[in-house]
C-alpha atoms as a PDB file:
ATOM      1  CA  MET A   1      50.476 112.794  80.601  1.00  0.00           C
ATOM      2  CA  LEU A   2      49.053 111.218  77.126  1.00  0.00           C
ATOM      3  CA  PRO A   3      49.447 107.798  76.733  1.00  0.00           C
ATOM      4  CA  LEU A   4      51.672 106.768  73.926  1.00  0.00           C
ATOM      5  CA  LEU A   5      50.407 106.455  70.610  1.00  0.00           C
ATOM      6  CA  PRO A   6      50.208 102.997  68.480  1.00  0.00           C
ATOM      7  CA  SER A   7      52.606 101.881  66.087  1.00  0.00           C
ATOM      8  CA  GLY A   8      51.862 101.461  62.390  1.00  0.00           C
ATOM      9  CA  PRO A   9      48.613 103.350  61.215  1.00  0.00           C
ATOM     10  CA  VAL A  10      48.375 106.912  61.539  1.00  0.00           C
ATOM     11  CA  PHE A  11      46.075 108.111  64.427  1.00  0.00           C
ATOM     12  CA  LYS A  12      44.545 111.763  64.949  1.00  0.00           C
ATOM     13  CA  LEU A  13      43.501 112.861  68.450  1.00  0.00           C
ATOM     14  CA  GLU A  14      40.179 113.980  68.827  1.00  0.00           C
ATOM     15  CA  PHE A  15      39.107 115.986  72.278  1.00  0.00           C
ATOM     16  CA  LEU A  16      35.547 115.914  73.339  1.00  0.00           C
ATOM     17  CA  CYS A  17      34.777 118.395  75.850  1.00  0.00           C
ATOM     18  CA  SER A  18      31.203 118.672  77.724  1.00  0.00           C
ATOM     19  CA  ASN A  19      32.716 121.041  80.323  1.00  0.00           C
ATOM     20  CA  ALA A  20      35.898 121.518  82.278  1.00  0.00           C
ATOM     21  CA  LEU A  21      35.751 118.964  84.424  1.00  0.00           C
ATOM     22  CA  ASP A  22      34.569 116.182  81.694  1.00  0.00           C
ATOM     23  CA  MET A  23      37.114 116.074  78.962  1.00  0.00           C
ATOM     24  CA  ALA A  24      37.975 112.630  77.237  1.00  0.00           C
ATOM     25  CA  PHE A  25      39.781 111.714  73.862  1.00  0.00           C
ATOM     26  CA  ASN A  26      39.403 109.019  71.108  1.00  0.00           C
ATOM     27  CA  LEU A  27      41.990 107.496  69.118  1.00  0.00           C
ATOM     28  CA  LEU A  28      40.450 107.651  65.495  1.00  0.00           C
ATOM     29  CA  PRO A  29      41.750 106.112  62.208  1.00  0.00           C
ATOM     30  CA  LEU A  30      42.685 108.803  59.961  1.00  0.00           C
ATOM     31  CA  SER A  31      40.815 109.376  56.486  1.00  0.00           C
ATOM     32  CA  PRO A  32      42.365 108.139  53.275  1.00  0.00           C
ATOM     33  CA  ALA A  33      43.498 111.852  52.973  1.00  0.00           C
ATOM     34  CA  GLU A  34      44.739 112.649  56.113  1.00  0.00           C
ATOM     35  CA  GLY A  35      46.562 109.405  56.306  1.00  0.00           C
ATOM     36  CA  ASN A  36      47.654 109.220  52.812  1.00  0.00           C
ATOM     37  CA  LYS A  37      46.075 105.933  52.316  1.00  0.00           C
ATOM     38  CA  MET A  38      45.615 105.625  48.845  1.00  0.00           C
ATOM     39  CA  ARG A  39      45.498 101.896  48.372  1.00  0.00           C
ATOM     40  CA  PHE A  40      43.797 102.081  44.691  1.00  0.00           C
ATOM     41  CA  LYS A  41      46.035 104.654  43.468  1.00  0.00           C
ATOM     42  CA  LYS A  42      45.558 104.593  39.428  1.00  0.00           C
ATOM     43  CA  LYS A  43      43.638 101.424  39.755  1.00  0.00           C
ATOM     44  CA  THR A  44      40.928 100.767  37.493  1.00  0.00           C
ATOM     45  CA  ILE A  45      37.425  99.950  39.319  1.00  0.00           C
ATOM     46  CA  ILE A  46      34.143  99.148  37.550  1.00  0.00           C
ATOM     47  CA  VAL A  47      31.226  99.412  40.248  1.00  0.00           C
ATOM     48  CA  THR A  48      27.814  98.289  38.058  1.00  0.00           C
ATOM     49  CA  GLY A  49      25.085 100.762  39.639  1.00  0.00           C
ATOM     50  CA  GLY A  50      27.759 102.771  41.077  1.00  0.00           C
ATOM     51  CA  SER A  51      25.628 105.890  40.751  1.00  0.00           C
ATOM     52  CA  SER A  52      23.261 105.884  43.422  1.00  0.00           C
ATOM     53  CA  GLY A  53      22.770 104.408  46.505  1.00  0.00           C
ATOM     54  CA  ILE A  54      25.061 101.678  48.188  1.00  0.00           C
ATOM     55  CA  GLY A  55      26.742 101.541  44.705  1.00  0.00           C
ATOM     56  CA  PHE A  56      27.508 105.579  44.779  1.00  0.00           C
ATOM     57  CA  GLY A  57      29.205 105.061  48.128  1.00  0.00           C
ATOM     58  CA  ILE A  58      31.445 102.140  46.986  1.00  0.00           C
ATOM     59  CA  SER A  59      32.263 104.513  44.213  1.00  0.00           C
ATOM     60  CA  ARG A  60      32.988 107.171  45.944  1.00  0.00           C
ATOM     61  CA  LYS A  61      35.290 105.300  48.533  1.00  0.00           C
ATOM     62  CA  PHE A  62      37.331 104.203  45.612  1.00  0.00           C
ATOM     63  CA  ALA A  63      37.937 107.168  44.399  1.00  0.00           C
ATOM     64  CA  GLN A  64      38.758 108.931  47.640  1.00  0.00           C
ATOM     65  CA  GLU A  65      41.631 106.187  47.571  1.00  0.00           C
ATOM     66  CA  GLY A  66      42.685 107.086  44.089  1.00  0.00           C
ATOM     67  CA  ALA A  67      41.099 104.742  41.852  1.00  0.00           C
ATOM     68  CA  ARG A  68      39.703 105.510  38.235  1.00  0.00           C
ATOM     69  CA  VAL A  69      36.145 104.613  38.761  1.00  0.00           C
ATOM     70  CA  ALA A  70      33.780 103.345  35.967  1.00  0.00           C
ATOM     71  CA  ILE A  71      30.364 103.552  36.507  1.00  0.00           C
ATOM     72  CA  ILE A  72      27.927 101.284  34.525  1.00  0.00           C
ATOM     73  CA  ALA A  73      24.469 102.029  35.096  1.00  0.00           C
ATOM     74  CA  ARG A  74      21.125 102.249  32.951  1.00  0.00           C
ATOM     75  CA  ASN A  75      19.980 105.646  34.659  1.00  0.00           C
ATOM     76  CA  GLU A  76      21.782 108.397  32.236  1.00  0.00           C
ATOM     77  CA  LYS A  77      20.639 111.411  34.201  1.00  0.00           C
ATOM     78  CA  ARG A  78      21.641 110.007  37.658  1.00  0.00           C
ATOM     79  CA  GLY A  79      24.982 108.646  36.377  1.00  0.00           C
ATOM     80  CA  ILE A  80      26.318 111.791  34.779  1.00  0.00           C
ATOM     81  CA  GLU A  81      25.129 113.633  38.034  1.00  0.00           C
ATOM     82  CA  ALA A  82      27.286 111.083  39.939  1.00  0.00           C
ATOM     83  CA  VAL A  83      30.543 111.479  37.804  1.00  0.00           C
ATOM     84  CA  ARG A  84      30.212 115.299  37.909  1.00  0.00           C
ATOM     85  CA  GLU A  85      30.113 115.184  41.813  1.00  0.00           C
ATOM     86  CA  LEU A  86      32.870 113.154  41.988  1.00  0.00           C
ATOM     87  CA  GLN A  87      35.068 114.926  39.601  1.00  0.00           C
ATOM     88  CA  SER A  88      34.223 118.207  41.548  1.00  0.00           C
ATOM     89  CA  LEU A  89      35.850 116.899  44.212  1.00  0.00           C
ATOM     90  CA  GLY A  90      39.330 115.985  42.039  1.00  0.00           C
ATOM     91  CA  TYR A  91      38.526 112.174  41.357  1.00  0.00           C
ATOM     92  CA  GLU A  92      38.736 110.640  38.069  1.00  0.00           C
ATOM     93  CA  CYS A  93      35.393 108.924  37.052  1.00  0.00           C
ATOM     94  CA  THR A  94      33.586 108.146  34.239  1.00  0.00           C
ATOM     95  CA  PHE A  95      29.739 107.051  33.112  1.00  0.00           C
ATOM     96  CA  PHE A  96      28.855 104.072  30.848  1.00  0.00           C
ATOM     97  CA  LYS A  97      25.479 103.734  29.819  1.00  0.00           C
ATOM     98  CA  ALA A  98      24.385 100.025  29.921  1.00  0.00           C
ATOM     99  CA  ASP A  99      21.566  97.422  30.494  1.00  0.00           C
ATOM    100  CA  ILE A 100      23.865  94.933  31.750  1.00  0.00           C
ATOM    101  CA  THR A 101      20.885  92.414  31.782  1.00  0.00           C
ATOM    102  CA  LYS A 102      21.863  92.071  27.898  1.00  0.00           C
ATOM    103  CA  GLU A 103      25.091  90.361  26.953  1.00  0.00           C
ATOM    104  CA  SER A 104      26.262  92.548  23.813  1.00  0.00           C
ATOM    105  CA  GLN A 105      25.591  95.763  26.079  1.00  0.00           C
ATOM    106  CA  VAL A 106      27.981  93.866  28.638  1.00  0.00           C
ATOM    107  CA  LYS A 107      30.774  93.088  26.235  1.00  0.00           C
ATOM    108  CA  ALA A 108      30.720  96.333  24.356  1.00  0.00           C
ATOM    109  CA  THR A 109      30.923  98.530  27.455  1.00  0.00           C
ATOM    110  CA  ILE A 110      34.043  96.340  29.422  1.00  0.00           C
ATOM    111  CA  LEU A 111      35.611  96.807  25.819  1.00  0.00           C
ATOM    112  CA  LEU A 112      35.397 100.376  26.321  1.00  0.00           C
ATOM    113  CA  ILE A 113      36.220 100.785  29.588  1.00  0.00           C
ATOM    114  CA  VAL A 114      39.469  98.551  29.117  1.00  0.00           C
ATOM    115  CA  GLU A 115      40.406 100.893  25.852  1.00  0.00           C
ATOM    116  CA  GLN A 116      39.924 104.047  27.939  1.00  0.00           C
ATOM    117  CA  TYR A 117      41.818 102.707  30.886  1.00  0.00           C
ATOM    118  CA  GLY A 118      44.246 100.179  29.350  1.00  0.00           C
ATOM    119  CA  GLU A 119      43.587  97.407  32.250  1.00  0.00           C
ATOM    120  CA  LEU A 120      41.288  96.261  34.604  1.00  0.00           C
ATOM    121  CA  HIS A 121      41.827  95.254  38.392  1.00  0.00           C
ATOM    122  CA  THR A 122      38.457  95.315  40.453  1.00  0.00           C
ATOM    123  CA  LEU A 123      34.993  94.441  39.416  1.00  0.00           C
ATOM    124  CA  VAL A 124      32.079  95.502  41.775  1.00  0.00           C
ATOM    125  CA  ASN A 125      28.930  93.737  40.810  1.00  0.00           C
ATOM    126  CA  ASN A 126      26.711  96.338  42.941  1.00  0.00           C
ATOM    127  CA  ALA A 127      23.731  96.648  40.302  1.00  0.00           C
ATOM    128  CA  GLY A 128      20.301  94.747  41.195  1.00  0.00           C
ATOM    129  CA  CYS A 129      16.642  95.395  41.970  1.00  0.00           C
ATOM    130  CA  GLY A 130      14.775  94.448  45.104  1.00  0.00           C
ATOM    131  CA  LEU A 131      10.967  94.676  45.829  1.00  0.00           C
ATOM    132  CA  ILE A 132      10.163  98.179  46.605  1.00  0.00           C
ATOM    133  CA  ASN A 133      11.689  99.536  43.199  1.00  0.00           C
ATOM    134  CA  SER A 134      10.958  96.777  41.203  1.00  0.00           C
ATOM    135  CA  THR A 135       8.488  96.928  37.887  1.00  0.00           C
ATOM    136  CA  ILE A 136       6.495  93.416  38.742  1.00  0.00           C
ATOM    137  CA  GLU A 137       2.866  94.224  39.232  1.00  0.00           C
ATOM    138  CA  SER A 138      -0.258  92.074  40.519  1.00  0.00           C
ATOM    139  CA  ALA A 139      -0.727  90.762  36.927  1.00  0.00           C
ATOM    140  CA  SER A 140       2.783  90.090  35.981  1.00  0.00           C
ATOM    141  CA  SER A 141       3.013  86.441  34.841  1.00  0.00           C
ATOM    142  CA  ILE A 142       5.007  83.613  37.047  1.00  0.00           C
ATOM    143  CA  SER A 143       7.705  83.315  34.058  1.00  0.00           C
ATOM    144  CA  ASP A 144       7.810  87.496  33.932  1.00  0.00           C
ATOM    145  CA  ARG A 145       8.486  87.720  38.113  1.00  0.00           C
ATOM    146  CA  LEU A 146      11.593  85.265  37.655  1.00  0.00           C
ATOM    147  CA  LYS A 147      12.662  86.510  34.548  1.00  0.00           C
ATOM    148  CA  PHE A 148      12.907  90.407  35.978  1.00  0.00           C
ATOM    149  CA  TYR A 149      14.593  88.908  39.459  1.00  0.00           C
ATOM    150  CA  GLN A 150      17.126  86.622  37.999  1.00  0.00           C
ATOM    151  CA  GLY A 151      17.695  88.951  35.086  1.00  0.00           C
ATOM    152  CA  ALA A 152      18.624  92.080  37.177  1.00  0.00           C
ATOM    153  CA  ASN A 153      20.192  90.319  40.331  1.00  0.00           C
ATOM    154  CA  PHE A 154      21.828  87.206  38.966  1.00  0.00           C
ATOM    155  CA  ASN A 155      22.178  86.928  35.173  1.00  0.00           C
ATOM    156  CA  SER A 156      23.850  90.557  35.439  1.00  0.00           C
ATOM    157  CA  THR A 157      26.272  89.449  37.732  1.00  0.00           C
ATOM    158  CA  TYR A 158      27.587  86.622  35.989  1.00  0.00           C
ATOM    159  CA  LEU A 159      27.566  88.310  32.558  1.00  0.00           C
ATOM    160  CA  VAL A 160      29.914  91.170  33.682  1.00  0.00           C
ATOM    161  CA  THR A 161      31.937  88.782  35.636  1.00  0.00           C
ATOM    162  CA  ALA A 162      32.520  86.445  32.865  1.00  0.00           C
ATOM    163  CA  HIS A 163      33.339  89.112  30.433  1.00  0.00           C
ATOM    164  CA  CYS A 164      35.708  90.802  32.844  1.00  0.00           C
ATOM    165  CA  LEU A 165      37.479  87.928  34.182  1.00  0.00           C
ATOM    166  CA  PRO A 166      40.067  87.718  30.803  1.00  0.00           C
ATOM    167  CA  TYR A 167      41.086  91.474  31.955  1.00  0.00           C
ATOM    168  CA  LEU A 168      41.161  90.802  35.381  1.00  0.00           C
ATOM    169  CA  ALA A 169      43.550  87.942  34.714  1.00  0.00           C
ATOM    170  CA  LYS A 170      45.948  90.158  33.076  1.00  0.00           C
ATOM    171  CA  THR A 171      46.786  92.154  36.275  1.00  0.00           C
ATOM    172  CA  SER A 172      48.172  91.503  39.555  1.00  0.00           C
ATOM    173  CA  GLY A 173      46.109  91.480  42.722  1.00  0.00           C
ATOM    174  CA  SER A 174      42.725  91.661  40.653  1.00  0.00           C
ATOM    175  CA  SER A 175      39.551  90.659  42.300  1.00  0.00           C
ATOM    176  CA  VAL A 176      35.776  90.761  41.938  1.00  0.00           C
ATOM    177  CA  ILE A 177      33.292  91.695  44.698  1.00  0.00           C
ATOM    178  CA  ASN A 178      29.557  90.770  44.480  1.00  0.00           C
ATOM    179  CA  ILE A 179      27.082  92.372  46.210  1.00  0.00           C
ATOM    180  CA  SER A 180      24.357  90.111  47.451  1.00  0.00           C
ATOM    181  CA  SER A 181      21.766  90.780  50.419  1.00  0.00           C
ATOM    182  CA  THR A 182      20.798  89.191  53.995  1.00  0.00           C
ATOM    183  CA  ALA A 183      17.574  88.594  51.945  1.00  0.00           C
ATOM    184  CA  ALA A 184      19.330  85.281  50.660  1.00  0.00           C
ATOM    185  CA  GLN A 185      18.545  84.112  54.159  1.00  0.00           C
ATOM    186  CA  HIS A 186      14.921  84.764  54.500  1.00  0.00           C
ATOM    187  CA  GLY A 187      12.296  83.403  52.644  1.00  0.00           C
ATOM    188  CA  ASN A 188       9.699  86.467  52.526  1.00  0.00           C
ATOM    189  CA  TRP A 189      12.044  88.025  50.221  1.00  0.00           C
ATOM    190  CA  GLY A 190      10.369  85.835  47.697  1.00  0.00           C
ATOM    191  CA  LEU A 191      12.537  85.703  44.369  1.00  0.00           C
ATOM    192  CA  TYR A 192      14.635  88.613  44.928  1.00  0.00           C
ATOM    193  CA  GLY A 193      16.289  86.526  47.676  1.00  0.00           C
ATOM    194  CA  VAL A 194      16.531  83.619  45.660  1.00  0.00           C
ATOM    195  CA  ALA A 195      18.494  85.582  42.973  1.00  0.00           C
ATOM    196  CA  LYS A 196      20.773  87.037  45.750  1.00  0.00           C
ATOM    197  CA  ALA A 197      21.198  83.456  46.939  1.00  0.00           C
ATOM    198  CA  GLY A 198      22.405  82.639  43.643  1.00  0.00           C
ATOM    199  CA  VAL A 199      24.706  85.278  43.597  1.00  0.00           C
ATOM    200  CA  GLU A 200      26.417  84.094  46.774  1.00  0.00           C
ATOM    201  CA  ALA A 201      26.676  80.682  44.995  1.00  0.00           C
ATOM    202  CA  LEU A 202      27.884  82.108  41.815  1.00  0.00           C
ATOM    203  CA  THR A 203      30.716  84.195  44.046  1.00  0.00           C
ATOM    204  CA  ARG A 204      32.095  80.342  45.361  1.00  0.00           C
ATOM    205  CA  SER A 205      31.789  79.282  41.482  1.00  0.00           C
ATOM    206  CA  PHE A 206      33.709  81.943  39.932  1.00  0.00           C
ATOM    207  CA  ALA A 207      36.336  81.671  42.759  1.00  0.00           C
ATOM    208  CA  ALA A 208      36.909  78.375  41.762  1.00  0.00           C
ATOM    209  CA  GLU A 209      37.160  79.057  38.336  1.00  0.00           C
ATOM    210  CA  ALA A 210      39.117  82.466  38.729  1.00  0.00           C
ATOM    211  CA  ALA A 211      41.703  81.243  41.480  1.00  0.00           C
ATOM    212  CA  PRO A 212      44.205  80.066  38.715  1.00  0.00           C
ATOM    213  CA  LEU A 213      44.173  83.189  37.044  1.00  0.00           C
ATOM    214  CA  GLY A 214      45.391  84.745  40.097  1.00  0.00           C
ATOM    215  CA  VAL A 215      41.823  86.320  40.736  1.00  0.00           C
ATOM    216  CA  ARG A 216      39.818  86.428  43.967  1.00  0.00           C
ATOM    217  CA  VAL A 217      36.252  86.479  43.834  1.00  0.00           C
ATOM    218  CA  ASN A 218      34.311  87.300  47.129  1.00  0.00           C
ATOM    219  CA  CYS A 219      30.589  88.884  48.155  1.00  0.00           C
ATOM    220  CA  VAL A 220      29.236  91.385  50.796  1.00  0.00           C
ATOM    221  CA  SER A 221      25.900  90.880  52.100  1.00  0.00           C
ATOM    222  CA  PRO A 222      24.279  94.265  53.354  1.00  0.00           C
ATOM    223  CA  GLY A 223      21.466  94.287  56.059  1.00  0.00           C
ATOM    224  CA  TRP A 224      19.514  97.094  56.504  1.00  0.00           C
ATOM    225  CA  ILE A 225      21.085 100.327  54.509  1.00  0.00           C
ATOM    226  CA  GLU A 226      20.151 103.760  54.767  1.00  0.00           C
ATOM    227  CA  THR A 227      20.651 105.235  51.225  1.00  0.00           C
ATOM    228  CA  SER A 228      17.954 108.123  51.899  1.00  0.00           C
ATOM    229  CA  PRO A 229      15.840 109.512  54.537  1.00  0.00           C
ATOM    230  CA  GLU A 230      12.916 108.207  52.157  1.00  0.00           C
ATOM    231  CA  GLN A 231      14.164 104.682  51.858  1.00  0.00           C
ATOM    232  CA  ALA A 232      14.535 104.662  55.760  1.00  0.00           C
ATOM    233  CA  ALA A 233      10.712 105.822  56.196  1.00  0.00           C
ATOM    234  CA  LYS A 234       9.596 102.935  53.894  1.00  0.00           C
ATOM    235  CA  ALA A 235      11.588 100.472  55.741  1.00  0.00           C
ATOM    236  CA  GLN A 236      10.442 102.184  59.165  1.00  0.00           C
ATOM    237  CA  GLY A 237       6.776 102.213  58.528  1.00  0.00           C
ATOM    238  CA  ALA A 238       4.237 104.997  57.364  1.00  0.00           C
ATOM    239  CA  GLY A 239       3.563 107.310  60.405  1.00  0.00           C
ATOM    240  CA  SER A 240       5.795 105.613  62.830  1.00  0.00           C
ATOM    241  CA  SER A 241       8.394 107.236  64.692  1.00  0.00           C
ATOM    242  CA  GLU A 242       9.937 104.066  66.357  1.00  0.00           C
ATOM    243  CA  TRP A 243      11.047 100.471  64.543  1.00  0.00           C
ATOM    244  CA  THR A 244       8.503  97.679  65.652  1.00  0.00           C
ATOM    245  CA  CYS A 245      11.625  95.533  65.336  1.00  0.00           C
ATOM    246  CA  PRO A 246      15.272  97.113  65.530  1.00  0.00           C
ATOM    247  CA  PRO A 247      16.892  97.167  61.990  1.00  0.00           C
ATOM    248  CA  SER A 248      19.964  95.966  63.460  1.00  0.00           C
ATOM    249  CA  LEU A 249      21.684  94.775  66.706  1.00  0.00           C
ATOM    250  CA  LEU A 250      23.063  98.041  67.003  1.00  0.00           C
ATOM    251  CA  GLY A 251      19.448  99.722  66.878  1.00  0.00           C
ATOM    252  CA  ARG A 252      20.031 101.537  63.236  1.00  0.00           C
ATOM    253  CA  MET A 253      20.641 101.072  59.796  1.00  0.00           C
ATOM    254  CA  GLY A 254      23.942 100.799  58.293  1.00  0.00           C
ATOM    255  CA  GLY A 255      25.194 103.675  55.646  1.00  0.00           C
ATOM    256  CA  PRO A 256      26.560 102.923  52.073  1.00  0.00           C
ATOM    257  CA  GLU A 257      29.985 104.034  53.469  1.00  0.00           C
ATOM    258  CA  GLU A 258      29.855 100.749  55.856  1.00  0.00           C
ATOM    259  CA  ILE A 259      29.169  98.792  52.783  1.00  0.00           C
ATOM    260  CA  ALA A 260      32.074 100.185  50.888  1.00  0.00           C
ATOM    261  CA  GLY A 261      34.444  99.696  53.374  1.00  0.00           C
ATOM    262  CA  ALA A 262      34.051  96.122  53.433  1.00  0.00           C
ATOM    263  CA  VAL A 263      34.079  96.113  49.418  1.00  0.00           C
ATOM    264  CA  CYS A 264      37.433  98.066  49.752  1.00  0.00           C
ATOM    265  CA  PHE A 265      39.030  95.844  51.912  1.00  0.00           C
ATOM    266  CA  PHE A 266      38.002  92.748  49.962  1.00  0.00           C
ATOM    267  CA  ALA A 267      39.584  94.381  47.030  1.00  0.00           C
ATOM    268  CA  SER A 268      43.082  95.179  48.733  1.00  0.00           C
ATOM    269  CA  SER A 269      46.018  93.264  49.507  1.00  0.00           C
ATOM    270  CA  ASP A 270      44.875  92.740  53.395  1.00  0.00           C
ATOM    271  CA  ALA A 271      42.502  90.298  51.773  1.00  0.00           C
ATOM    272  CA  SER A 272      45.140  88.888  49.616  1.00  0.00           C
ATOM    273  CA  PHE A 273      44.397  85.257  50.711  1.00  0.00           C
ATOM    274  CA  ILE A 274      40.581  85.377  51.123  1.00  0.00           C
ATOM    275  CA  THR A 275      38.441  84.393  48.171  1.00  0.00           C
ATOM    276  CA  GLY A 276      34.903  82.534  47.778  1.00  0.00           C
ATOM    277  CA  GLN A 277      33.672  84.001  50.932  1.00  0.00           C
ATOM    278  CA  THR A 278      30.797  86.159  51.736  1.00  0.00           C
ATOM    279  CA  LEU A 279      30.818  88.810  54.508  1.00  0.00           C
ATOM    280  CA  VAL A 280      27.734  89.844  56.013  1.00  0.00           C
ATOM    281  CA  VAL A 281      27.515  93.312  57.270  1.00  0.00           C
ATOM    282  CA  ASP A 282      24.318  93.927  58.980  1.00  0.00           C
ATOM    283  CA  GLY A 283      24.933  95.168  62.364  1.00  0.00           C
ATOM    284  CA  GLY A 284      24.420  91.594  63.763  1.00  0.00           C
ATOM    285  CA  MET A 285      20.664  91.451  62.511  1.00  0.00           C
ATOM    286  CA  MET A 286      21.452  87.563  61.356  1.00  0.00           C
ATOM    287  CA  ILE A 287      22.324  86.375  65.026  1.00  0.00           C
ATOM    288  CA  THR A 288      19.185  87.767  66.410  1.00  0.00           C
ATOM    289  CA  ASP A 289      15.716  86.474  67.158  1.00  0.00           C
ATOM    290  CA  TYR A 290      12.586  88.297  68.108  1.00  0.00           C
ATOM    291  CA  PRO A 291       9.214  89.021  66.850  1.00  0.00           C
ATOM    292  CA  SER A 292       9.513  92.951  68.298  1.00  0.00           C
ATOM    293  CA  GLN A 293      10.851  95.313  70.232  1.00  0.00           C
ATOM    294  CA  SER A 294       8.596  94.814  73.144  1.00  0.00           C
ATOM    295  CA  SER A 295       9.440  90.968  73.133  1.00  0.00           C
ATOM    296  CA  LEU A 296      13.296  92.008  73.470  1.00  0.00           C
ATOM    297  CA  ASN A 297      12.743  94.127  76.024  1.00  0.00           C
ATOM    298  CA  MET A 298      10.554  91.740  78.147  1.00  0.00           C
ATOM    299  CA  MET A 299      13.279  89.173  78.241  1.00  0.00           C
ATOM    300  CA  GLU A 300      15.565  91.971  79.456  1.00  0.00           C
ATOM    301  CA  ASN A 301      19.038  90.459  80.367  1.00  0.00           C
ATOM    302  CA  ARG A 302      18.518  87.085  82.027  1.00  0.00           C
ATOM    303  CA  GLY A 303      20.588  85.240  79.561  1.00  0.00           C
ATOM    304  CA  PHE A 304      23.164  87.933  79.464  1.00  0.00           C
ATOM    305  CA  SER A 305      26.790  87.855  81.631  1.00  0.00           C
ATOM    306  CA  GLN A 306      25.720  91.179  82.913  1.00  0.00           C
ATOM    307  CA  ALA A 307      22.577  93.011  84.047  1.00  0.00           C
ATOM    308  CA  ALA A 308      23.816  96.251  82.299  1.00  0.00           C
ATOM    309  CA  ASN A 309      24.044  94.947  79.106  1.00  0.00           C
ATOM    310  CA  LYS A 310      20.623  96.112  77.787  1.00  0.00           C
ATOM    311  CA  PRO A 311      19.929  95.770  74.059  1.00  0.00           C
END
């Protein structure tokens, strides 16, 4: 006899059969399309840097739940390709080319988006640049290094939020979600980590400023996220088939869709009483402390409640 299904959200029954004597089932939440879950139907969402990587995962997730997505990015080719992909699936999405480190372009682009869609409900400040893809070279000056990371990660978040805030204040339940990084907690990421720490501080500052306007401001801090096989190989180390240190407590990198899920939670009414917070989404990496996989294995399970709990 099958167990009673839980009330509330709709669930589907998935049977997993390995042989006739080995059968189990999992109760899995339905996808938005299956469960008719359209939390953002006809809502206008801006995603900066939304044409690739984590940003594209965020754009796609909002679009799947009925949003009208405005992608802002500098790379026109990638932006057009991203929009075409989403539109081919029947989603409403538009690309706006802009360098969001320049205030004049930010102001003009936000105005274009509002003129096209009439209103603005959510802003996702995803655009930024880390160490691997930066244009910084060994000959770059001290001031150029600071200017680059501050501009790409901190200034852009500040400028876009400041220019979106008056429009967000006009809609009910509006919010801003910033994307920082766990690099903010680690000194080895240098000025990138410094800039992302600034984004988290900016989140709290804007949360206080925007609260009287009815706008919530929160932040998602990703850990190691796999955006492509090439990116994963770089993180793992050339020529290596195993991680020297696991990328998370769960033994894997996260996916863009897992960051998108956290972002959409903050944008939804489920987070209506949450503002000024940073949510770390890193598979538990921040709570661990070990220099290598071998050192972790050496400790075995001496400190855990059960011997079976091998990491």
